[in-house]
Amino acid sequence: MPVLNRIAGYADDMTEWRRWLHRHPELGLDCHRTAAFVLGKLR
């Protein structure tokens, strides 16, 4: 399956992830919640 087709399959998920990250902003180096969110998605 071409990479673009695989990426397109995640479009809705990525939109929701972006919205979650913007609803829960963290500033500077204090990004524990953001790091946990990203780690959870990568697992």
Protein backbone atom coordinates (compact mmCIF):
# COMPACT_ATOMS: atom_id res chain seq x y z
CA MET A 1 0.00 0.00 0.00
CA PRO A 2 1.48 3.39 -0.96
CA VAL A 3 2.55 5.58 1.95
CA LEU A 4 0.12 8.39 1.07
CA ASN A 5 -2.82 5.99 1.25
CA ARG A 6 -1.67 4.73 4.65
CA ILE A 7 -1.28 8.29 5.94
CA ALA A 8 -4.70 9.26 4.60
CA GLY A 9 -6.16 6.47 6.72
CA TYR A 10 -4.98 8.35 9.83
CA ALA A 11 -6.37 11.76 8.82
CA ASP A 12 -9.30 11.70 11.26
CA ASP A 13 -7.09 10.45 14.10
CA MET A 14 -4.44 13.10 13.44
CA THR A 15 -7.09 15.82 13.38
CA GLU A 16 -8.34 14.68 16.78
CA TRP A 17 -4.80 14.51 18.14
CA ARG A 18 -4.12 18.08 16.95
CA ARG A 19 -7.34 19.29 18.54
CA TRP A 20 -6.50 17.56 21.84
CA LEU A 21 -3.02 19.09 21.90
CA HIS A 22 -4.43 22.57 21.25
CA ARG A 23 -7.08 22.13 23.98
CA HIS A 24 -4.34 21.16 26.48
CA PRO A 25 -1.42 23.53 25.81
CA GLU A 26 1.79 23.25 27.79
CA LEU A 27 4.54 25.84 27.70
CA GLY A 28 8.29 25.70 27.86
CA LEU A 29 9.92 22.52 29.03
CA ASP A 30 7.03 21.49 31.28
CA CYS A 31 5.30 19.21 28.76
CA HIS A 32 4.62 16.08 30.77
CA ARG A 33 0.99 15.68 29.65
CA THR A 34 1.94 16.24 26.00
CA ALA A 35 4.80 13.74 26.25
CA ALA A 36 2.49 11.15 27.81
CA PHE A 37 -0.10 11.74 25.08
CA VAL A 38 2.44 11.28 22.27
CA LEU A 39 4.01 8.24 23.92
CA GLY A 40 0.58 6.66 24.26
CA LYS A 41 -0.09 7.16 20.55
CA LEU A 42 3.29 5.72 19.55
CA ARG A 43 2.78 2.52 21.53
